[in-house]
């Protein structure tokens, strides 16, 4: 599980750490990342409950099959991977309560 309100605290304290993400090929001068660490709990939650996302429209429906949940998770992971493009490590952390 993540730390409640940590992101908000971090952005309020250091606003310049947030930058727009681009899914295009990196150009010269772009920061290169070796590792990508993901807390899968939120990704799994939003795959089951897409209506809980901040930018979700009113027409977003919850999945009806497990296959739809996994497809949603894999689509989101692919998108994150295209944005960050880690060169060495992709770490997926999954916790239980």
PDB file of N, CA and C in Angstrom:
ATOM      1  N   UNK A   1       0.843  -1.178   0.000  1.00  0.00           N
ATOM      2  CA  UNK A   1       0.000   0.000   0.000  1.00  0.00           C
ATOM      3  C   UNK A   1       0.885   1.237   0.000  1.00  0.00           C
ATOM      4  N   UNK A   2       0.373   2.281  -0.592  1.00  0.00           N
ATOM      5  CA  UNK A   2       1.091   3.533  -0.610  1.00  0.00           C
ATOM      6  C   UNK A   2       0.914   4.303   0.685  1.00  0.00           C
ATOM      7  N   UNK A   3       1.561   5.433   0.753  1.00  0.00           N
ATOM      8  CA  UNK A   3       1.458   6.295   1.925  1.00  0.00           C
ATOM      9  C   UNK A   3       0.357   7.322   1.642  1.00  0.00           C
ATOM     10  N   UNK A   4      -0.708   7.352   2.463  1.00  0.00           N
ATOM     11  CA  UNK A   4      -1.804   8.285   2.209  1.00  0.00           C
ATOM     12  C   UNK A   4      -1.319   9.741   2.149  1.00  0.00           C
ATOM     13  N   UNK A   5      -1.737  10.449   1.125  1.00  0.00           N
ATOM     14  CA  UNK A   5      -1.455  11.878   0.915  1.00  0.00           C
ATOM     15  C   UNK A   5       0.011  12.183   0.660  1.00  0.00           C
ATOM     16  N   UNK A   6       0.848  11.185   0.459  1.00  0.00           N
ATOM     17  CA  UNK A   6       2.269  11.446   0.233  1.00  0.00           C
ATOM     18  C   UNK A   6       2.495  12.216  -1.058  1.00  0.00           C
ATOM     19  N   UNK A   7       1.808  11.814  -2.123  1.00  0.00           N
ATOM     20  CA  UNK A   7       1.983  12.503  -3.409  1.00  0.00           C
ATOM     21  C   UNK A   7       1.624  13.988  -3.282  1.00  0.00           C
ATOM     22  N   UNK A   8       0.507  14.278  -2.642  1.00  0.00           N
ATOM     23  CA  UNK A   8       0.084  15.668  -2.465  1.00  0.00           C
ATOM     24  C   UNK A   8       1.125  16.453  -1.672  1.00  0.00           C
ATOM     25  N   UNK A   9       1.639  15.862  -0.585  1.00  0.00           N
ATOM     26  CA  UNK A   9       2.661  16.520   0.228  1.00  0.00           C
ATOM     27  C   UNK A   9       3.911  16.788  -0.607  1.00  0.00           C
ATOM     28  N   UNK A  10       4.337  15.784  -1.382  1.00  0.00           N
ATOM     29  CA  UNK A  10       5.540  15.894  -2.186  1.00  0.00           C
ATOM     30  C   UNK A  10       5.403  16.993  -3.237  1.00  0.00           C
ATOM     31  N   UNK A  11       4.270  17.032  -3.927  1.00  0.00           N
ATOM     32  CA  UNK A  11       4.059  18.036  -4.975  1.00  0.00           C
ATOM     33  C   UNK A  11       3.922  19.435  -4.379  1.00  0.00           C
ATOM     34  N   UNK A  12       3.270  19.554  -3.226  1.00  0.00           N
ATOM     35  CA  UNK A  12       3.156  20.867  -2.587  1.00  0.00           C
ATOM     36  C   UNK A  12       4.518  21.387  -2.139  1.00  0.00           C
ATOM     37  N   UNK A  13       5.360  20.486  -1.673  1.00  0.00           N
ATOM     38  CA  UNK A  13       6.676  20.884  -1.179  1.00  0.00           C
ATOM     39  C   UNK A  13       7.673  21.107  -2.319  1.00  0.00           C
ATOM     40  N   UNK A  14       7.603  20.287  -3.364  1.00  0.00           N
ATOM     41  CA  UNK A  14       8.533  20.360  -4.498  1.00  0.00           C
ATOM     42  C   UNK A  14       7.745  20.362  -5.806  1.00  0.00           C
ATOM     43  N   UNK A  15       7.104  21.472  -6.150  1.00  0.00           N
ATOM     44  CA  UNK A  15       6.223  21.488  -7.333  1.00  0.00           C
ATOM     45  C   UNK A  15       6.940  21.242  -8.661  1.00  0.00           C
ATOM     46  N   UNK A  16       8.225  21.466  -8.737  1.00  0.00           N
ATOM     47  CA  UNK A  16       8.926  21.294 -10.012  1.00  0.00           C
ATOM     48  C   UNK A  16       9.201  19.831 -10.348  1.00  0.00           C
ATOM     49  N   UNK A  17       8.872  18.891  -9.446  1.00  0.00           N
ATOM     50  CA  UNK A  17       9.120  17.478  -9.758  1.00  0.00           C
ATOM     51  C   UNK A  17       8.098  16.915 -10.739  1.00  0.00           C
ATOM     52  N   UNK A  18       6.985  17.601 -10.930  1.00  0.00           N
ATOM     53  CA  UNK A  18       5.948  17.129 -11.847  1.00  0.00           C
ATOM     54  C   UNK A  18       6.215  17.709 -13.230  1.00  0.00           C
ATOM     55  N   UNK A  19       6.234  16.841 -14.221  1.00  0.00           N
ATOM     56  CA  UNK A  19       6.408  17.296 -15.595  1.00  0.00           C
ATOM     57  C   UNK A  19       5.505  16.475 -16.501  1.00  0.00           C
ATOM     58  N   UNK A  20       5.110  17.030 -17.645  1.00  0.00           N
ATOM     59  CA  UNK A  20       4.220  16.282 -18.532  1.00  0.00           C
ATOM     60  C   UNK A  20       4.922  15.055 -19.113  1.00  0.00           C
ATOM     61  N   UNK A  21       4.171  13.987 -19.246  1.00  0.00           N
ATOM     62  CA  UNK A  21       4.708  12.748 -19.813  1.00  0.00           C
ATOM     63  C   UNK A  21       4.397  12.688 -21.292  1.00  0.00           C
ATOM     64  N   UNK A  22       5.356  12.187 -22.063  1.00  0.00           N
ATOM     65  CA  UNK A  22       5.166  12.045 -23.504  1.00  0.00           C
ATOM     66  C   UNK A  22       5.378  10.592 -23.878  1.00  0.00           C
ATOM     67  N   UNK A  23       4.513  10.082 -24.729  1.00  0.00           N
ATOM     68  CA  UNK A  23       4.617   8.691 -25.153  1.00  0.00           C
ATOM     69  C   UNK A  23       5.437   8.532 -26.423  1.00  0.00           C
ATOM     70  N   UNK A  24       6.041   9.612 -26.891  1.00  0.00           N
ATOM     71  CA  UNK A  24       6.824   9.531 -28.122  1.00  0.00           C
ATOM     72  C   UNK A  24       8.255   9.094 -27.806  1.00  0.00           C
ATOM     73  N   UNK A  25       9.027   8.859 -28.847  1.00  0.00           N
ATOM     74  CA  UNK A  25      10.429   8.448 -28.703  1.00  0.00           C
ATOM     75  C   UNK A  25      11.220   9.559 -28.012  1.00  0.00           C
ATOM     76  N   UNK A  26      12.141   9.195 -27.105  1.00  0.00           N
ATOM     77  CA  UNK A  26      12.950  10.209 -26.446  1.00  0.00           C
ATOM     78  C   UNK A  26      13.905  10.879 -27.427  1.00  0.00           C
ATOM     79  N   UNK A  27      14.102  12.172 -27.247  1.00  0.00           N
ATOM     80  CA  UNK A  27      15.005  12.943 -28.092  1.00  0.00           C
ATOM     81  C   UNK A  27      16.275  13.250 -27.295  1.00  0.00           C
ATOM     82  N   UNK A  28      17.211  13.894 -27.937  1.00  0.00           N
ATOM     83  CA  UNK A  28      18.446  14.284 -27.250  1.00  0.00           C
ATOM     84  C   UNK A  28      18.115  15.202 -26.081  1.00  0.00           C
ATOM     85  N   UNK A  29      18.808  15.005 -24.976  1.00  0.00           N
ATOM     86  CA  UNK A  29      18.592  15.849 -23.807  1.00  0.00           C
ATOM     87  C   UNK A  29      17.484  15.354 -22.890  1.00  0.00           C
ATOM     88  N   UNK A  30      16.784  14.299 -23.273  1.00  0.00           N
ATOM     89  CA  UNK A  30      15.716  13.748 -22.443  1.00  0.00           C
ATOM     90  C   UNK A  30      16.338  12.858 -21.369  1.00  0.00           C
ATOM     91  N   UNK A  31      15.791  12.920 -20.182  1.00  0.00           N
ATOM     92  CA  UNK A  31      16.276  12.091 -19.083  1.00  0.00           C
ATOM     93  C   UNK A  31      16.012  10.625 -19.387  1.00  0.00           C
ATOM     94  N   UNK A  32      17.001   9.795 -19.131  1.00  0.00           N
ATOM     95  CA  UNK A  32      16.894   8.357 -19.351  1.00  0.00           C
ATOM     96  C   UNK A  32      16.786   7.687 -17.987  1.00  0.00           C
ATOM     97  N   UNK A  33      15.881   6.719 -17.883  1.00  0.00           N
ATOM     98  CA  UNK A  33      15.664   6.015 -16.629  1.00  0.00           C
ATOM     99  C   UNK A  33      16.151   4.583 -16.737  1.00  0.00           C
ATOM    100  N   UNK A  34      16.853   4.148 -15.700  1.00  0.00           N
ATOM    101  CA  UNK A  34      17.300   2.760 -15.648  1.00  0.00           C
ATOM    102  C   UNK A  34      16.224   1.855 -15.063  1.00  0.00           C
ATOM    103  N   UNK A  35      15.490   2.344 -14.058  1.00  0.00           N
ATOM    104  CA  UNK A  35      14.550   1.512 -13.316  1.00  0.00           C
ATOM    105  C   UNK A  35      13.175   2.159 -13.246  1.00  0.00           C
ATOM    106  N   UNK A  36      12.170   1.311 -13.205  1.00  0.00           N
ATOM    107  CA  UNK A  36      10.793   1.755 -12.977  1.00  0.00           C
ATOM    108  C   UNK A  36      10.203   0.867 -11.897  1.00  0.00           C
ATOM    109  N   UNK A  37       9.807   1.484 -10.782  1.00  0.00           N
ATOM    110  CA  UNK A  37       9.217   0.769  -9.662  1.00  0.00           C
ATOM    111  C   UNK A  37       7.736   1.145  -9.575  1.00  0.00           C
ATOM    112  N   UNK A  38       6.855   0.154  -9.593  1.00  0.00           N
ATOM    113  CA  UNK A  38       5.423   0.416  -9.564  1.00  0.00           C
ATOM    114  C   UNK A  38       4.764  -0.273  -8.380  1.00  0.00           C
ATOM    115  N   UNK A  39       3.905   0.466  -7.684  1.00  0.00           N
ATOM    116  CA  UNK A  39       3.045  -0.109  -6.657  1.00  0.00           C
ATOM    117  C   UNK A  39       1.786  -0.555  -7.385  1.00  0.00           C
ATOM    118  N   UNK A  40       1.633  -1.853  -7.560  1.00  0.00           N
ATOM    119  CA  UNK A  40       0.547  -2.391  -8.369  1.00  0.00           C
ATOM    120  C   UNK A  40      -0.828  -2.288  -7.710  1.00  0.00           C
ATOM    121  N   UNK A  41      -0.895  -2.015  -6.409  1.00  0.00           N
ATOM    122  CA  UNK A  41      -2.188  -1.991  -5.726  1.00  0.00           C
ATOM    123  C   UNK A  41      -3.149  -0.981  -6.353  1.00  0.00           C
ATOM    124  N   UNK A  42      -2.677   0.209  -6.659  1.00  0.00           N
ATOM    125  CA  UNK A  42      -3.555   1.205  -7.260  1.00  0.00           C
ATOM    126  C   UNK A  42      -3.931   0.817  -8.690  1.00  0.00           C
ATOM    127  N   UNK A  43      -3.003   0.277  -9.437  1.00  0.00           N
ATOM    128  CA  UNK A  43      -3.294  -0.148 -10.802  1.00  0.00           C
ATOM    129  C   UNK A  43      -4.346  -1.255 -10.796  1.00  0.00           C
ATOM    130  N   UNK A  44      -4.209  -2.202  -9.880  1.00  0.00           N
ATOM    131  CA  UNK A  44      -5.192  -3.276  -9.770  1.00  0.00           C
ATOM    132  C   UNK A  44      -6.551  -2.714  -9.361  1.00  0.00           C
ATOM    133  N   UNK A  45      -6.556  -1.784  -8.388  1.00  0.00           N
ATOM    134  CA  UNK A  45      -7.829  -1.196  -7.938  1.00  0.00           C
ATOM    135  C   UNK A  45      -8.541  -0.495  -9.089  1.00  0.00           C
ATOM    136  N   UNK A  46      -7.802   0.332  -9.837  1.00  0.00           N
ATOM    137  CA  UNK A  46      -8.435   1.062 -10.947  1.00  0.00           C
ATOM    138  C   UNK A  46      -8.846   0.140 -12.091  1.00  0.00           C
ATOM    139  N   UNK A  47      -8.219  -1.017 -12.195  1.00  0.00           N
ATOM    140  CA  UNK A  47      -8.648  -1.978 -13.215  1.00  0.00           C
ATOM    141  C   UNK A  47      -9.998  -2.590 -12.857  1.00  0.00           C
ATOM    142  N   UNK A  48     -10.256  -2.766 -11.570  1.00  0.00           N
ATOM    143  CA  UNK A  48     -11.548  -3.272 -11.114  1.00  0.00           C
ATOM    144  C   UNK A  48     -12.594  -2.162 -11.009  1.00  0.00           C
ATOM    145  N   UNK A  49     -12.159  -0.932 -10.687  1.00  0.00           N
ATOM    146  CA  UNK A  49     -13.077   0.193 -10.456  1.00  0.00           C
ATOM    147  C   UNK A  49     -12.624   1.413 -11.253  1.00  0.00           C
ATOM    148  N   UNK A  50     -12.738   1.390 -12.582  1.00  0.00           N
ATOM    149  CA  UNK A  50     -12.251   2.522 -13.389  1.00  0.00           C
ATOM    150  C   UNK A  50     -12.998   3.822 -13.105  1.00  0.00           C
ATOM    151  N   UNK A  51     -14.201   3.744 -12.570  1.00  0.00           N
ATOM    152  CA  UNK A  51     -14.967   4.950 -12.277  1.00  0.00           C
ATOM    153  C   UNK A  51     -14.347   5.744 -11.132  1.00  0.00           C
ATOM    154  N   UNK A  52     -13.429   5.158 -10.359  1.00  0.00           N
ATOM    155  CA  UNK A  52     -12.775   5.848  -9.244  1.00  0.00           C
ATOM    156  C   UNK A  52     -11.629   6.742  -9.687  1.00  0.00           C
ATOM    157  N   UNK A  53     -11.209   6.649 -10.938  1.00  0.00           N
ATOM    158  CA  UNK A  53     -10.098   7.468 -11.418  1.00  0.00           C
ATOM    159  C   UNK A  53     -10.518   8.922 -11.484  1.00  0.00           C
ATOM    160  N   UNK A  54      -9.560   9.817 -11.255  1.00  0.00           N
ATOM    161  CA  UNK A  54      -9.854  11.252 -11.229  1.00  0.00           C
ATOM    162  C   UNK A  54     -10.416  11.757 -12.552  1.00  0.00           C
ATOM    163  N   UNK A  55      -9.870  11.306 -13.668  1.00  0.00           N
ATOM    164  CA  UNK A  55     -10.271  11.812 -14.976  1.00  0.00           C
ATOM    165  C   UNK A  55     -11.283  10.924 -15.680  1.00  0.00           C
ATOM    166  N   UNK A  56     -11.878  10.005 -14.956  1.00  0.00           N
ATOM    167  CA  UNK A  56     -12.831   9.091 -15.579  1.00  0.00           C
ATOM    168  C   UNK A  56     -14.112   9.838 -15.923  1.00  0.00           C
ATOM    169  N   UNK A  57     -14.634   9.558 -17.089  1.00  0.00           N
ATOM    170  CA  UNK A  57     -15.900  10.158 -17.496  1.00  0.00           C
ATOM    171  C   UNK A  57     -17.070   9.414 -16.873  1.00  0.00           C
ATOM    172  N   UNK A  58     -18.261   9.929 -17.076  1.00  0.00           N
ATOM    173  CA  UNK A  58     -19.448   9.311 -16.489  1.00  0.00           C
ATOM    174  C   UNK A  58     -19.820   8.023 -17.203  1.00  0.00           C
ATOM    175  N   UNK A  59     -19.285   7.801 -18.405  1.00  0.00           N
ATOM    176  CA  UNK A  59     -19.648   6.614 -19.172  1.00  0.00           C
ATOM    177  C   UNK A  59     -18.700   5.431 -18.923  1.00  0.00           C
ATOM    178  N   UNK A  60     -17.816   5.545 -17.932  1.00  0.00           N
ATOM    179  CA  UNK A  60     -16.875   4.469 -17.614  1.00  0.00           C
ATOM    180  C   UNK A  60     -17.601   3.374 -16.853  1.00  0.00           C
ATOM    181  N   UNK A  61     -17.461   2.151 -17.329  1.00  0.00           N
ATOM    182  CA  UNK A  61     -18.134   1.012 -16.688  1.00  0.00           C
ATOM    183  C   UNK A  61     -17.108   0.068 -16.083  1.00  0.00           C
ATOM    184  N   UNK A  62     -17.501  -0.562 -14.996  1.00  0.00           N
ATOM    185  CA  UNK A  62     -16.642  -1.563 -14.363  1.00  0.00           C
ATOM    186  C   UNK A  62     -16.557  -2.788 -15.262  1.00  0.00           C
ATOM    187  N   UNK A  63     -15.437  -3.497 -15.250  1.00  0.00           N
ATOM    188  CA  UNK A  63     -15.313  -4.694 -16.091  1.00  0.00           C
ATOM    189  C   UNK A  63     -16.266  -5.783 -15.620  1.00  0.00           C
ATOM    190  N   UNK A  64     -16.643  -6.635 -16.547  1.00  0.00           N
ATOM    191  CA  UNK A  64     -17.574  -7.721 -16.214  1.00  0.00           C
ATOM    192  C   UNK A  64     -16.889  -9.078 -16.159  1.00  0.00           C
ATOM    193  N   UNK A  65     -15.649  -9.164 -16.653  1.00  0.00           N
ATOM    194  CA  UNK A  65     -14.924 -10.433 -16.615  1.00  0.00           C
ATOM    195  C   UNK A  65     -13.499 -10.197 -16.112  1.00  0.00           C
ATOM    196  N   UNK A  66     -12.888 -11.257 -15.653  1.00  0.00           N
ATOM    197  CA  UNK A  66     -11.498 -11.180 -15.195  1.00  0.00           C
ATOM    198  C   UNK A  66     -10.591 -10.839 -16.378  1.00  0.00           C
ATOM    199  N   UNK A  67     -10.929 -11.314 -17.554  1.00  0.00           N
ATOM    200  CA  UNK A  67     -10.131 -11.009 -18.753  1.00  0.00           C
ATOM    201  C   UNK A  67     -10.095  -9.510 -19.016  1.00  0.00           C
ATOM    202  N   UNK A  68     -11.218  -8.827 -18.812  1.00  0.00           N
ATOM    203  CA  UNK A  68     -11.256  -7.372 -19.000  1.00  0.00           C
ATOM    204  C   UNK A  68     -10.378  -6.661 -17.978  1.00  0.00           C
ATOM    205  N   UNK A  69     -10.350  -7.169 -16.759  1.00  0.00           N
ATOM    206  CA  UNK A  69      -9.503  -6.583 -15.720  1.00  0.00           C
ATOM    207  C   UNK A  69      -8.034  -6.701 -16.118  1.00  0.00           C
ATOM    208  N   UNK A  70      -7.617  -7.898 -16.524  1.00  0.00           N
ATOM    209  CA  UNK A  70      -6.229  -8.098 -16.916  1.00  0.00           C
ATOM    210  C   UNK A  70      -5.880  -7.281 -18.158  1.00  0.00           C
ATOM    211  N   UNK A  71      -6.790  -7.189 -19.101  1.00  0.00           N
ATOM    212  CA  UNK A  71      -6.536  -6.380 -20.292  1.00  0.00           C
ATOM    213  C   UNK A  71      -6.331  -4.923 -19.913  1.00  0.00           C
ATOM    214  N   UNK A  72      -7.139  -4.409 -18.999  1.00  0.00           N
ATOM    215  CA  UNK A  72      -6.997  -3.042 -18.527  1.00  0.00           C
ATOM    216  C   UNK A  72      -5.650  -2.831 -17.837  1.00  0.00           C
ATOM    217  N   UNK A  73      -5.262  -3.783 -16.987  1.00  0.00           N
ATOM    218  CA  UNK A  73      -3.971  -3.676 -16.296  1.00  0.00           C
ATOM    219  C   UNK A  73      -2.816  -3.683 -17.289  1.00  0.00           C
ATOM    220  N   UNK A  74      -2.851  -4.596 -18.240  1.00  0.00           N
ATOM    221  CA  UNK A  74      -1.757  -4.704 -19.202  1.00  0.00           C
ATOM    222  C   UNK A  74      -1.688  -3.473 -20.108  1.00  0.00           C
ATOM    223  N   UNK A  75      -2.849  -2.928 -20.503  1.00  0.00           N
ATOM    224  CA  UNK A  75      -2.852  -1.705 -21.314  1.00  0.00           C
ATOM    225  C   UNK A  75      -2.196  -0.555 -20.560  1.00  0.00           C
ATOM    226  N   UNK A  76      -2.529  -0.422 -19.272  1.00  0.00           N
ATOM    227  CA  UNK A  76      -1.965   0.664 -18.469  1.00  0.00           C
ATOM    228  C   UNK A  76      -0.464   0.464 -18.257  1.00  0.00           C
ATOM    229  N   UNK A  77      -0.040  -0.772 -17.986  1.00  0.00           N
ATOM    230  CA  UNK A  77       1.390  -1.045 -17.825  1.00  0.00           C
ATOM    231  C   UNK A  77       2.151  -0.766 -19.116  1.00  0.00           C
ATOM    232  N   UNK A  78       1.584  -1.145 -20.254  1.00  0.00           N
ATOM    233  CA  UNK A  78       2.218  -0.846 -21.544  1.00  0.00           C
ATOM    234  C   UNK A  78       2.381   0.652 -21.740  1.00  0.00           C
ATOM    235  N   UNK A  79       1.349   1.411 -21.378  1.00  0.00           N
ATOM    236  CA  UNK A  79       1.411   2.872 -21.528  1.00  0.00           C
ATOM    237  C   UNK A  79       2.506   3.461 -20.639  1.00  0.00           C
ATOM    238  N   UNK A  80       2.563   3.034 -19.379  1.00  0.00           N
ATOM    239  CA  UNK A  80       3.612   3.517 -18.481  1.00  0.00           C
ATOM    240  C   UNK A  80       4.995   3.152 -18.998  1.00  0.00           C
ATOM    241  N   UNK A  81       5.135   1.946 -19.512  1.00  0.00           N
ATOM    242  CA  UNK A  81       6.418   1.494 -20.034  1.00  0.00           C
ATOM    243  C   UNK A  81       6.844   2.328 -21.243  1.00  0.00           C
ATOM    244  N   UNK A  82       5.884   2.679 -22.112  1.00  0.00           N
ATOM    245  CA  UNK A  82       6.206   3.531 -23.272  1.00  0.00           C
ATOM    246  C   UNK A  82       6.631   4.925 -22.837  1.00  0.00           C
ATOM    247  N   UNK A  83       6.062   5.433 -21.759  1.00  0.00           N
ATOM    248  CA  UNK A  83       6.404   6.772 -21.281  1.00  0.00           C
ATOM    249  C   UNK A  83       7.782   6.783 -20.635  1.00  0.00           C
ATOM    250  N   UNK A  84       8.031   5.864 -19.719  1.00  0.00           N
ATOM    251  CA  UNK A  84       9.270   5.885 -18.937  1.00  0.00           C
ATOM    252  C   UNK A  84      10.425   5.210 -19.673  1.00  0.00           C
ATOM    253  N   UNK A  85      10.169   4.103 -20.334  1.00  0.00           N
ATOM    254  CA  UNK A  85      11.176   3.336 -21.069  1.00  0.00           C
ATOM    255  C   UNK A  85      12.383   2.974 -20.196  1.00  0.00           C
ATOM    256  N   UNK A  86      12.146   2.228 -19.115  1.00  0.00           N
ATOM    257  CA  UNK A  86      13.281   1.848 -18.268  1.00  0.00           C
ATOM    258  C   UNK A  86      14.245   0.944 -19.028  1.00  0.00           C
ATOM    259  N   UNK A  87      15.541   1.161 -18.814  1.00  0.00           N
ATOM    260  CA  UNK A  87      16.542   0.406 -19.565  1.00  0.00           C
ATOM    261  C   UNK A  87      16.933  -0.907 -18.907  1.00  0.00           C
ATOM    262  N   UNK A  88      16.779  -1.028 -17.585  1.00  0.00           N
ATOM    263  CA  UNK A  88      17.289  -2.218 -16.914  1.00  0.00           C
ATOM    264  C   UNK A  88      16.253  -2.997 -16.124  1.00  0.00           C
ATOM    265  N   UNK A  89      15.400  -2.312 -15.385  1.00  0.00           N
ATOM    266  CA  UNK A  89      14.565  -3.018 -14.419  1.00  0.00           C
ATOM    267  C   UNK A  89      13.139  -2.485 -14.407  1.00  0.00           C
ATOM    268  N   UNK A  90      12.180  -3.382 -14.405  1.00  0.00           N
ATOM    269  CA  UNK A  90      10.779  -3.062 -14.135  1.00  0.00           C
ATOM    270  C   UNK A  90      10.399  -3.860 -12.897  1.00  0.00           C
ATOM    271  N   UNK A  91      10.092  -3.153 -11.792  1.00  0.00           N
ATOM    272  CA  UNK A  91       9.785  -3.781 -10.517  1.00  0.00           C
ATOM    273  C   UNK A  91       8.319  -3.585 -10.211  1.00  0.00           C
ATOM    274  N   UNK A  92       7.561  -4.658 -10.111  1.00  0.00           N
ATOM    275  CA  UNK A  92       6.125  -4.592  -9.824  1.00  0.00           C
ATOM    276  C   UNK A  92       5.898  -5.083  -8.394  1.00  0.00           C
ATOM    277  N   UNK A  93       5.507  -4.175  -7.511  1.00  0.00           N
ATOM    278  CA  UNK A  93       5.261  -4.532  -6.113  1.00  0.00           C
ATOM    279  C   UNK A  93       3.778  -4.734  -5.900  1.00  0.00           C
ATOM    280  N   UNK A  94       3.415  -5.905  -5.367  1.00  0.00           N
ATOM    281  CA  UNK A  94       2.030  -6.213  -5.073  1.00  0.00           C
ATOM    282  C   UNK A  94       1.956  -6.595  -3.604  1.00  0.00           C
ATOM    283  N   UNK A  95       1.133  -5.878  -2.852  1.00  0.00           N
ATOM    284  CA  UNK A  95       1.000  -6.151  -1.423  1.00  0.00           C
ATOM    285  C   UNK A  95      -0.374  -6.720  -1.117  1.00  0.00           C
ATOM    286  N   UNK A  96      -0.470  -7.300   0.036  1.00  0.00           N
ATOM    287  CA  UNK A  96      -1.774  -7.801   0.501  1.00  0.00           C
ATOM    288  C   UNK A  96      -2.040  -7.226   1.870  1.00  0.00           C
ATOM    289  N   UNK A  97      -3.301  -7.196   2.214  1.00  0.00           N
ATOM    290  CA  UNK A  97      -3.645  -6.620   3.514  1.00  0.00           C
ATOM    291  C   UNK A  97      -3.993  -7.678   4.525  1.00  0.00           C
TER     292      UNK A  97
END
